[in-house]
N, C-alpha and C. Protein backbone atom coordinates (compact mmCIF):
# COMPACT_ATOMS: atom_id res chain seq x y z
N UNK A 1 39.57 116.31 6.33
CA UNK A 1 40.59 115.81 7.23
C UNK A 1 41.95 115.85 6.54
N UNK A 2 41.99 115.45 5.28
CA UNK A 2 43.28 115.39 4.60
C UNK A 2 43.90 116.78 4.44
N UNK A 3 43.07 117.79 4.27
CA UNK A 3 43.64 119.14 4.13
C UNK A 3 44.36 119.55 5.41
N UNK A 4 43.85 119.11 6.55
CA UNK A 4 44.51 119.42 7.82
C UNK A 4 45.81 118.63 7.98
N UNK A 5 45.84 117.40 7.47
CA UNK A 5 47.09 116.64 7.51
C UNK A 5 48.15 117.29 6.61
N UNK A 6 47.72 117.76 5.44
CA UNK A 6 48.66 118.47 4.56
C UNK A 6 49.20 119.71 5.25
N UNK A 7 48.32 120.41 5.96
CA UNK A 7 48.73 121.60 6.71
C UNK A 7 49.73 121.21 7.81
N UNK A 8 49.45 120.10 8.50
CA UNK A 8 50.32 119.67 9.59
C UNK A 8 51.72 119.30 9.09
N UNK A 9 51.81 118.74 7.89
CA UNK A 9 53.08 118.31 7.34
C UNK A 9 53.69 119.32 6.37
N UNK A 10 53.10 120.48 6.29
CA UNK A 10 53.55 121.50 5.33
C UNK A 10 55.03 121.79 5.45
N UNK A 11 55.53 121.99 6.64
CA UNK A 11 56.95 122.32 6.85
C UNK A 11 57.83 121.17 6.34
N UNK A 12 57.50 119.94 6.74
CA UNK A 12 58.30 118.79 6.33
C UNK A 12 58.29 118.64 4.81
N UNK A 13 57.14 118.82 4.19
CA UNK A 13 57.03 118.71 2.73
C UNK A 13 57.90 119.79 2.06
N UNK A 14 57.80 121.01 2.54
CA UNK A 14 58.56 122.12 1.95
C UNK A 14 60.06 121.87 2.05
N UNK A 15 60.53 121.40 3.19
CA UNK A 15 61.96 121.12 3.38
C UNK A 15 62.42 120.04 2.41
N UNK A 16 61.64 119.00 2.25
CA UNK A 16 62.01 117.91 1.35
C UNK A 16 62.06 118.38 -0.10
N UNK A 17 61.12 119.24 -0.46
CA UNK A 17 61.13 119.78 -1.83
C UNK A 17 62.31 120.72 -2.03
N UNK A 18 62.58 121.56 -1.03
CA UNK A 18 63.71 122.50 -1.13
C UNK A 18 65.04 121.79 -1.23
N UNK A 19 65.19 120.66 -0.57
CA UNK A 19 66.44 119.88 -0.58
C UNK A 19 66.52 118.92 -1.76
N UNK A 20 65.53 118.96 -2.63
CA UNK A 20 65.48 118.05 -3.78
C UNK A 20 65.49 116.58 -3.34
N UNK A 21 64.97 116.32 -2.15
CA UNK A 21 64.91 114.93 -1.68
C UNK A 21 63.64 114.23 -2.15
N UNK A 22 62.68 115.00 -2.62
CA UNK A 22 61.42 114.40 -3.07
C UNK A 22 60.95 115.09 -4.34
N UNK A 23 60.49 114.32 -5.30
CA UNK A 23 59.92 114.96 -6.49
C UNK A 23 58.59 115.60 -6.11
N UNK A 24 58.25 116.72 -6.72
CA UNK A 24 57.01 117.43 -6.35
C UNK A 24 55.76 116.55 -6.40
N UNK A 25 55.66 115.68 -7.39
CA UNK A 25 54.46 114.84 -7.46
C UNK A 25 54.47 113.73 -6.41
N UNK A 26 55.60 113.50 -5.76
CA UNK A 26 55.71 112.48 -4.72
C UNK A 26 55.14 112.90 -3.38
N UNK A 27 54.86 114.17 -3.22
CA UNK A 27 54.32 114.64 -1.95
C UNK A 27 52.86 115.10 -2.07
N UNK A 28 52.28 114.88 -3.22
CA UNK A 28 50.87 115.24 -3.41
C UNK A 28 50.01 114.23 -2.68
N UNK A 29 49.07 114.73 -1.90
CA UNK A 29 48.16 113.86 -1.18
C UNK A 29 46.94 113.62 -2.06
N UNK A 30 46.72 112.36 -2.38
CA UNK A 30 45.56 111.97 -3.17
C UNK A 30 44.67 111.13 -2.27
N UNK A 31 43.57 111.69 -1.84
CA UNK A 31 42.66 110.98 -0.94
C UNK A 31 41.23 111.31 -1.32
N UNK A 32 40.37 110.37 -1.05
CA UNK A 32 38.95 110.63 -1.24
C UNK A 32 38.18 109.86 -0.18
N UNK A 33 37.09 110.44 0.26
CA UNK A 33 36.24 109.76 1.22
C UNK A 33 35.58 108.58 0.52
N UNK A 34 35.36 107.52 1.27
CA UNK A 34 34.74 106.34 0.69
C UNK A 34 33.42 106.05 1.39
N UNK A 35 32.61 105.25 0.72
CA UNK A 35 31.39 104.72 1.30
C UNK A 35 31.42 103.22 1.05
N UNK A 36 30.44 102.54 1.58
CA UNK A 36 30.38 101.10 1.40
C UNK A 36 30.23 100.77 -0.09
N UNK A 37 30.99 99.78 -0.52
CA UNK A 37 30.94 99.35 -1.91
C UNK A 37 32.35 99.19 -2.46
N UNK A 38 32.46 98.96 -3.77
CA UNK A 38 33.77 98.79 -4.41
C UNK A 38 34.49 100.13 -4.37
N UNK A 39 35.69 100.14 -3.78
CA UNK A 39 36.46 101.39 -3.66
C UNK A 39 37.70 101.38 -4.56
N UNK A 40 38.02 100.21 -5.12
CA UNK A 40 39.18 100.11 -6.02
C UNK A 40 38.97 98.89 -6.90
N UNK A 41 39.26 99.06 -8.18
CA UNK A 41 39.23 97.93 -9.09
C UNK A 41 40.20 98.21 -10.23
N UNK A 42 41.23 97.35 -10.35
CA UNK A 42 42.25 97.56 -11.36
C UNK A 42 43.04 96.27 -11.54
N UNK A 43 43.29 95.88 -12.76
CA UNK A 43 44.12 94.73 -13.09
C UNK A 43 43.69 93.46 -12.36
N UNK A 44 42.40 93.28 -12.19
CA UNK A 44 41.89 92.08 -11.54
C UNK A 44 41.79 92.16 -10.03
N UNK A 45 42.30 93.23 -9.45
CA UNK A 45 42.21 93.42 -7.99
C UNK A 45 40.96 94.23 -7.70
N UNK A 46 40.12 93.72 -6.81
CA UNK A 46 38.92 94.44 -6.41
C UNK A 46 38.90 94.56 -4.89
N UNK A 47 38.74 95.79 -4.41
CA UNK A 47 38.66 96.04 -2.97
C UNK A 47 37.29 96.62 -2.67
N UNK A 48 36.60 95.95 -1.77
CA UNK A 48 35.26 96.36 -1.37
C UNK A 48 35.29 96.79 0.08
N UNK A 49 34.80 97.99 0.35
CA UNK A 49 34.66 98.48 1.72
C UNK A 49 33.26 98.11 2.21
N UNK A 50 33.19 97.72 3.47
CA UNK A 50 31.89 97.44 4.07
C UNK A 50 31.90 97.98 5.50
N UNK A 51 30.76 98.51 5.91
CA UNK A 51 30.69 99.08 7.25
C UNK A 51 30.72 97.98 8.30
N UNK A 52 31.43 98.28 9.39
CA UNK A 52 31.47 97.42 10.57
C UNK A 52 31.02 98.24 11.77
N UNK A 53 30.82 97.58 12.88
CA UNK A 53 30.29 98.23 14.07
C UNK A 53 31.42 98.57 15.04
N UNK A 54 31.87 99.80 14.99
CA UNK A 54 32.89 100.28 15.93
C UNK A 54 32.33 101.50 16.68
N UNK A 55 31.04 101.41 17.00
CA UNK A 55 30.37 102.50 17.71
C UNK A 55 31.22 102.93 18.90
N UNK A 56 31.43 104.21 19.08
CA UNK A 56 30.74 105.36 18.54
C UNK A 56 31.33 105.89 17.23
N UNK A 57 32.40 105.25 16.71
CA UNK A 57 33.02 105.72 15.47
C UNK A 57 32.15 105.29 14.29
N UNK A 58 31.73 106.27 13.51
CA UNK A 58 30.92 106.00 12.31
C UNK A 58 31.34 106.95 11.22
N UNK A 59 31.58 106.52 10.03
CA UNK A 59 31.61 105.12 9.67
C UNK A 59 32.94 104.47 10.04
N UNK A 60 32.89 103.18 10.20
CA UNK A 60 34.10 102.36 10.36
C UNK A 60 33.99 101.26 9.31
N UNK A 61 35.12 100.93 8.69
CA UNK A 61 35.07 100.00 7.57
C UNK A 61 35.97 98.79 7.77
N UNK A 62 35.51 97.68 7.23
CA UNK A 62 36.33 96.51 6.97
C UNK A 62 36.54 96.48 5.46
N UNK A 63 37.44 95.64 5.00
CA UNK A 63 37.74 95.58 3.57
C UNK A 63 37.85 94.14 3.11
N UNK A 64 37.32 93.88 1.93
CA UNK A 64 37.47 92.57 1.28
C UNK A 64 38.28 92.80 0.02
N UNK A 65 39.34 92.02 -0.13
CA UNK A 65 40.20 92.10 -1.30
C UNK A 65 40.04 90.79 -2.08
N UNK A 66 39.68 90.92 -3.34
CA UNK A 66 39.52 89.76 -4.21
C UNK A 66 40.50 89.88 -5.38
N UNK A 67 41.18 88.75 -5.67
CA UNK A 67 42.09 88.73 -6.81
C UNK A 67 42.28 87.28 -7.26
N UNK A 68 42.08 87.03 -8.51
CA UNK A 68 42.39 85.75 -9.12
C UNK A 68 41.79 84.57 -8.36
N UNK A 69 40.54 84.71 -7.95
CA UNK A 69 39.86 83.63 -7.25
C UNK A 69 40.22 83.49 -5.79
N UNK A 70 41.01 84.40 -5.26
CA UNK A 70 41.41 84.38 -3.84
C UNK A 70 40.77 85.57 -3.14
N UNK A 71 40.60 85.45 -1.81
CA UNK A 71 39.94 86.52 -1.07
C UNK A 71 40.53 86.68 0.32
N UNK A 72 40.62 87.94 0.72
CA UNK A 72 41.12 88.30 2.05
C UNK A 72 40.17 89.33 2.62
N UNK A 73 39.81 89.17 3.89
CA UNK A 73 39.00 90.18 4.57
C UNK A 73 39.78 90.71 5.75
N UNK A 74 39.81 92.04 5.87
CA UNK A 74 40.40 92.74 7.00
C UNK A 74 39.24 93.33 7.79
N UNK A 75 39.11 92.93 9.04
CA UNK A 75 37.94 93.35 9.83
C UNK A 75 37.94 94.84 10.14
N UNK A 76 39.12 95.46 10.21
CA UNK A 76 39.18 96.80 10.78
C UNK A 76 38.83 96.71 12.26
N UNK A 77 38.69 97.84 12.90
CA UNK A 77 38.25 97.86 14.30
C UNK A 77 36.76 97.60 14.33
N UNK A 78 36.33 96.58 15.06
CA UNK A 78 34.91 96.27 15.09
C UNK A 78 34.54 95.41 16.29
N UNK A 79 33.29 95.51 16.65
CA UNK A 79 32.68 94.52 17.52
C UNK A 79 32.17 93.44 16.56
N UNK A 80 31.43 92.47 17.09
CA UNK A 80 30.84 91.48 16.21
C UNK A 80 29.94 92.23 15.23
N UNK A 81 30.11 91.93 13.95
CA UNK A 81 29.42 92.66 12.90
C UNK A 81 28.81 91.68 11.90
N UNK A 82 27.50 91.70 11.80
CA UNK A 82 26.82 90.84 10.82
C UNK A 82 27.25 91.17 9.40
N UNK A 83 27.55 92.44 9.15
CA UNK A 83 27.99 92.85 7.82
C UNK A 83 29.36 92.23 7.50
N UNK A 84 30.24 92.19 8.48
CA UNK A 84 31.54 91.52 8.29
C UNK A 84 31.32 90.04 8.02
N UNK A 85 30.46 89.41 8.79
CA UNK A 85 30.19 87.99 8.60
C UNK A 85 29.68 87.73 7.18
N UNK A 86 28.81 88.58 6.70
CA UNK A 86 28.28 88.44 5.34
C UNK A 86 29.39 88.56 4.29
N UNK A 87 30.30 89.51 4.46
CA UNK A 87 31.37 89.73 3.48
C UNK A 87 32.52 88.73 3.59
N UNK A 88 32.61 88.02 4.71
CA UNK A 88 33.76 87.14 4.95
C UNK A 88 33.45 85.66 4.74
N UNK A 89 32.31 85.33 4.21
CA UNK A 89 31.96 83.92 4.02
C UNK A 89 32.99 83.19 3.17
N UNK A 90 33.56 82.12 3.75
CA UNK A 90 34.47 81.21 3.04
C UNK A 90 35.67 81.90 2.39
N UNK A 91 36.17 82.98 3.00
CA UNK A 91 37.35 83.65 2.45
C UNK A 91 38.58 82.79 2.69
N UNK A 92 39.61 83.09 1.94
CA UNK A 92 40.88 82.39 2.16
C UNK A 92 41.53 82.83 3.47
N UNK A 93 41.46 84.12 3.75
CA UNK A 93 42.13 84.68 4.92
C UNK A 93 41.23 85.73 5.56
N UNK A 94 40.99 85.60 6.86
CA UNK A 94 40.25 86.60 7.62
C UNK A 94 41.17 87.13 8.70
N UNK A 95 41.55 88.39 8.57
CA UNK A 95 42.40 89.06 9.55
C UNK A 95 41.47 89.88 10.44
N UNK A 96 41.45 89.57 11.73
CA UNK A 96 40.45 90.15 12.63
C UNK A 96 41.10 90.78 13.85
N UNK A 97 40.52 91.90 14.29
CA UNK A 97 40.98 92.51 15.54
C UNK A 97 40.52 91.67 16.72
N UNK A 98 41.15 91.86 17.88
CA UNK A 98 40.75 91.13 19.08
C UNK A 98 41.17 91.93 20.31
N UNK A 99 40.35 91.82 21.36
CA UNK A 99 40.66 92.46 22.64
C UNK A 99 40.63 91.38 23.71
N UNK A 100 41.60 91.43 24.61
CA UNK A 100 41.72 90.41 25.65
C UNK A 100 41.31 90.96 27.01
N UNK A 101 40.12 90.62 27.49
CA UNK A 101 39.71 91.07 28.83
C UNK A 101 40.68 90.63 29.92
N UNK A 102 41.25 89.43 29.78
CA UNK A 102 42.19 88.92 30.79
C UNK A 102 43.42 89.80 30.92
N UNK A 103 43.90 90.32 29.80
CA UNK A 103 45.08 91.18 29.84
C UNK A 103 44.79 92.46 30.61
N UNK A 104 43.62 93.04 30.39
CA UNK A 104 43.24 94.25 31.13
C UNK A 104 43.25 93.97 32.63
N UNK A 105 42.68 92.83 33.02
CA UNK A 105 42.65 92.48 34.45
C UNK A 105 44.05 92.28 34.99
N UNK A 106 44.88 91.55 34.22
CA UNK A 106 46.24 91.23 34.68
C UNK A 106 47.08 92.48 34.91
N UNK A 107 46.91 93.51 34.06
CA UNK A 107 47.74 94.71 34.23
C UNK A 107 47.05 95.79 35.05
N UNK A 108 45.84 95.50 35.55
CA UNK A 108 45.19 96.40 36.48
C UNK A 108 44.47 97.59 35.89
N UNK A 109 43.95 97.46 34.68
CA UNK A 109 43.16 98.55 34.09
C UNK A 109 41.83 98.59 34.84
N UNK A 110 41.38 99.78 35.24
CA UNK A 110 40.11 99.87 35.98
C UNK A 110 38.95 99.26 35.20
N UNK A 111 38.02 98.59 35.89
CA UNK A 111 36.91 97.90 35.23
C UNK A 111 36.09 98.78 34.29
N UNK A 112 35.82 100.03 34.65
CA UNK A 112 35.01 100.89 33.78
C UNK A 112 35.73 101.17 32.46
N UNK A 113 37.03 101.43 32.54
CA UNK A 113 37.81 101.67 31.33
C UNK A 113 37.90 100.40 30.48
N UNK A 114 38.08 99.26 31.15
CA UNK A 114 38.12 97.98 30.46
C UNK A 114 36.83 97.74 29.70
N UNK A 115 35.70 97.92 30.37
CA UNK A 115 34.39 97.68 29.75
C UNK A 115 34.19 98.60 28.54
N UNK A 116 34.62 99.84 28.65
CA UNK A 116 34.47 100.80 27.55
C UNK A 116 35.26 100.35 26.32
N UNK A 117 36.49 99.91 26.52
CA UNK A 117 37.33 99.49 25.40
C UNK A 117 36.81 98.19 24.79
N UNK A 118 36.43 97.25 25.65
CA UNK A 118 35.91 95.96 25.15
C UNK A 118 34.63 96.18 24.35
N UNK A 119 33.84 97.18 24.72
CA UNK A 119 32.57 97.44 24.03
C UNK A 119 32.75 97.79 22.56
N UNK A 120 33.94 98.25 22.14
CA UNK A 120 34.17 98.64 20.74
C UNK A 120 34.92 97.58 19.94
N UNK A 121 35.28 96.48 20.55
CA UNK A 121 36.12 95.49 19.90
C UNK A 121 35.52 94.10 20.03
N UNK A 122 36.26 93.10 19.63
CA UNK A 122 35.79 91.72 19.61
C UNK A 122 36.64 90.88 20.56
N UNK A 123 35.99 90.16 21.47
CA UNK A 123 36.72 89.28 22.38
C UNK A 123 37.11 88.00 21.65
N UNK A 124 38.03 87.22 22.21
CA UNK A 124 38.41 85.96 21.55
C UNK A 124 37.21 85.02 21.34
N UNK A 125 36.33 84.93 22.33
CA UNK A 125 35.16 84.06 22.18
C UNK A 125 34.25 84.56 21.05
N UNK A 126 34.05 85.88 21.00
CA UNK A 126 33.21 86.44 19.94
C UNK A 126 33.86 86.22 18.57
N UNK A 127 35.17 86.41 18.49
CA UNK A 127 35.87 86.17 17.23
C UNK A 127 35.74 84.70 16.83
N UNK A 128 35.82 83.82 17.81
CA UNK A 128 35.62 82.39 17.52
C UNK A 128 34.27 82.13 16.88
N UNK A 129 33.25 82.83 17.35
CA UNK A 129 31.91 82.70 16.75
C UNK A 129 31.92 83.21 15.31
N UNK A 130 32.60 84.34 15.08
CA UNK A 130 32.70 84.90 13.72
C UNK A 130 33.42 83.90 12.81
N UNK A 131 34.54 83.36 13.27
CA UNK A 131 35.29 82.40 12.47
C UNK A 131 34.45 81.15 12.19
N UNK A 132 33.73 80.70 13.19
CA UNK A 132 32.89 79.51 13.02
C UNK A 132 31.80 79.75 11.98
N UNK A 133 31.27 80.96 11.94
CA UNK A 133 30.22 81.28 10.97
C UNK A 133 30.76 81.53 9.57
N UNK A 134 31.98 82.04 9.46
CA UNK A 134 32.51 82.42 8.14
C UNK A 134 33.36 81.33 7.50
N UNK A 135 33.94 80.45 8.29
CA UNK A 135 34.76 79.33 7.79
C UNK A 135 35.93 79.77 6.89
N UNK A 136 36.80 80.68 7.37
CA UNK A 136 37.95 81.06 6.54
C UNK A 136 38.94 79.89 6.44
N UNK A 137 39.73 79.90 5.37
CA UNK A 137 40.80 78.90 5.28
C UNK A 137 41.84 79.15 6.37
N UNK A 138 42.03 80.43 6.74
CA UNK A 138 42.90 80.79 7.85
C UNK A 138 42.36 82.03 8.51
N UNK A 139 42.31 82.02 9.84
CA UNK A 139 41.97 83.20 10.63
C UNK A 139 43.24 83.69 11.32
N UNK A 140 43.43 85.00 11.34
CA UNK A 140 44.62 85.58 11.96
C UNK A 140 44.19 86.75 12.84
N UNK A 141 44.72 86.79 14.04
CA UNK A 141 44.49 87.94 14.90
C UNK A 141 45.51 89.01 14.60
N UNK A 142 45.02 90.22 14.41
CA UNK A 142 45.86 91.40 14.25
C UNK A 142 45.16 92.53 14.95
N UNK A 143 45.81 93.67 15.06
CA UNK A 143 45.30 94.77 15.88
C UNK A 143 44.82 94.19 17.21
N UNK A 144 45.76 93.67 17.95
CA UNK A 144 45.48 93.05 19.24
C UNK A 144 45.45 94.16 20.28
N UNK A 145 44.26 94.37 20.84
CA UNK A 145 44.08 95.46 21.79
C UNK A 145 44.59 94.98 23.13
N UNK A 146 45.47 95.50 23.54
CA UNK A 146 46.63 95.57 24.37
C UNK A 146 47.70 94.69 23.75
N UNK A 147 48.76 95.32 23.30
CA UNK A 147 49.80 94.57 22.60
C UNK A 147 50.51 93.56 23.48
N UNK A 148 50.33 93.65 24.79
CA UNK A 148 50.99 92.67 25.66
C UNK A 148 50.09 91.47 25.95
N UNK A 149 48.98 91.34 25.21
CA UNK A 149 48.16 90.13 25.31
C UNK A 149 48.99 88.97 24.80
N UNK A 150 48.89 87.86 25.48
CA UNK A 150 49.68 86.68 25.11
C UNK A 150 48.85 85.70 24.30
N UNK A 151 49.54 84.76 23.69
CA UNK A 151 48.86 83.69 22.97
C UNK A 151 47.89 82.96 23.90
N UNK A 152 48.30 82.78 25.14
CA UNK A 152 47.46 82.11 26.14
C UNK A 152 46.19 82.92 26.44
N UNK A 153 46.27 84.24 26.36
CA UNK A 153 45.09 85.09 26.57
C UNK A 153 44.10 84.98 25.42
N UNK A 154 44.58 84.69 24.22
CA UNK A 154 43.75 84.79 23.02
C UNK A 154 43.33 83.45 22.41
N UNK A 155 44.24 82.52 22.28
CA UNK A 155 43.94 81.30 21.53
C UNK A 155 43.01 80.35 22.31
N UNK A 156 43.29 79.99 23.57
CA UNK A 156 42.38 79.06 24.26
C UNK A 156 40.93 79.54 24.33
N UNK A 157 40.67 80.83 24.62
CA UNK A 157 39.25 81.24 24.62
C UNK A 157 38.60 81.12 23.23
N UNK A 158 39.37 81.35 22.18
CA UNK A 158 38.85 81.21 20.83
C UNK A 158 38.53 79.74 20.54
N UNK A 159 39.40 78.86 20.99
CA UNK A 159 39.26 77.43 20.74
C UNK A 159 38.03 76.82 21.42
N UNK A 160 37.43 77.52 22.37
CA UNK A 160 36.19 77.03 22.98
C UNK A 160 35.09 76.93 21.92
N UNK A 161 35.21 77.73 20.86
CA UNK A 161 34.17 77.83 19.84
C UNK A 161 34.67 77.43 18.46
N UNK A 162 35.91 77.76 18.14
CA UNK A 162 36.43 77.59 16.78
C UNK A 162 37.64 76.67 16.79
N UNK A 163 37.58 75.62 15.98
CA UNK A 163 38.70 74.66 15.94
C UNK A 163 39.49 74.73 14.64
N UNK A 164 39.15 75.66 13.74
CA UNK A 164 39.83 75.75 12.46
C UNK A 164 41.19 76.41 12.55
N UNK A 165 41.84 76.61 11.40
CA UNK A 165 43.17 77.21 11.36
C UNK A 165 43.17 78.63 11.92
N UNK A 166 44.07 78.89 12.85
CA UNK A 166 44.12 80.18 13.56
C UNK A 166 45.57 80.51 13.89
N UNK A 167 45.95 81.76 13.62
CA UNK A 167 47.30 82.22 13.93
C UNK A 167 47.22 83.54 14.69
N UNK A 168 48.21 83.78 15.51
CA UNK A 168 48.38 85.05 16.19
C UNK A 168 49.33 85.89 15.35
N UNK A 169 48.85 87.01 14.83
CA UNK A 169 49.67 87.85 13.98
C UNK A 169 50.83 88.46 14.74
N UNK A 170 51.90 88.76 14.01
CA UNK A 170 53.05 89.44 14.61
C UNK A 170 53.71 90.30 13.54
N UNK A 171 54.47 91.27 13.98
CA UNK A 171 55.16 92.15 13.06
C UNK A 171 56.05 91.33 12.10
N UNK A 172 56.06 91.73 10.85
CA UNK A 172 56.86 91.15 9.78
C UNK A 172 56.41 89.75 9.36
N UNK A 173 55.28 89.29 9.86
CA UNK A 173 54.72 88.02 9.44
C UNK A 173 54.23 88.17 8.00
N UNK A 174 54.45 87.16 7.18
CA UNK A 174 54.02 87.17 5.78
C UNK A 174 53.04 86.02 5.60
N UNK A 175 51.93 86.32 4.93
CA UNK A 175 50.94 85.28 4.63
C UNK A 175 50.78 85.22 3.12
N UNK A 176 51.03 84.06 2.56
CA UNK A 176 50.91 83.85 1.12
C UNK A 176 49.60 83.11 0.88
N UNK A 177 48.71 83.73 0.11
CA UNK A 177 47.42 83.13 -0.19
C UNK A 177 47.46 82.60 -1.61
N UNK A 178 47.48 81.29 -1.73
CA UNK A 178 47.50 80.62 -3.02
C UNK A 178 46.73 79.32 -2.91
N UNK A 179 47.21 78.28 -3.59
CA UNK A 179 46.57 76.97 -3.43
C UNK A 179 46.50 76.61 -1.95
N UNK A 180 47.60 76.90 -1.25
CA UNK A 180 47.64 76.77 0.21
C UNK A 180 47.71 78.18 0.77
N UNK A 181 47.36 78.32 2.03
CA UNK A 181 47.57 79.58 2.73
C UNK A 181 48.74 79.34 3.66
N UNK A 182 49.87 79.98 3.34
CA UNK A 182 51.12 79.75 4.07
C UNK A 182 51.47 80.94 4.95
N UNK A 183 51.91 80.65 6.16
CA UNK A 183 52.37 81.67 7.10
C UNK A 183 53.88 81.57 7.21
N UNK A 184 54.54 82.70 7.02
CA UNK A 184 55.99 82.78 7.19
C UNK A 184 56.26 83.78 8.29
N UNK A 185 56.84 83.30 9.34
CA UNK A 185 57.15 84.15 10.49
C UNK A 185 58.58 84.66 10.37
N UNK A 186 58.84 85.85 10.89
CA UNK A 186 60.21 86.38 10.82
C UNK A 186 61.16 85.51 11.65
N UNK A 187 62.40 85.48 11.20
CA UNK A 187 63.42 84.72 11.93
C UNK A 187 63.64 85.37 13.29
N UNK A 188 63.78 84.54 14.30
CA UNK A 188 64.04 85.04 15.64
C UNK A 188 65.52 85.40 15.78
N UNK A 189 65.82 86.54 16.44
CA UNK A 189 67.23 86.93 16.58
C UNK A 189 68.00 86.01 17.49
């Protein structure tokens, strides 16, 4: 796959090199296919890939990042996944995808298309079950399938099952994982 991306960007890369806007080693694509297990370990940072269920896409991965006694899990695109639940036990931060069936209905997406998309992702109620089983210090929704889903579409259904710390992710949001898990939201214009 990466060789085709290099081919697709060949013209752009050549122009940047010709204009001396990029050093030659700055445009080298370094990629390797991964499998489940530790995919990076350096200076105390360990990243573990684990398969999640995003059928029909296989493989699909979530990632656990461990550093200095802290842990973050990124669900990736997934439906409810026992493997994710196993890797996310008692993490400091669990960033999870979510799909809002109510949003699809509100904007008039046909039921068959809605069902197909929901089948590959996690609903708020299902995510609430995942959070309840994993007990993260903070759960955050990201990769919100339909970006026009509102807090009202996502948080109340989750709260039917999960009462722990939960945030709705947004662009430029910063989460600091330390003694406390702090959320810093971008300033509103």
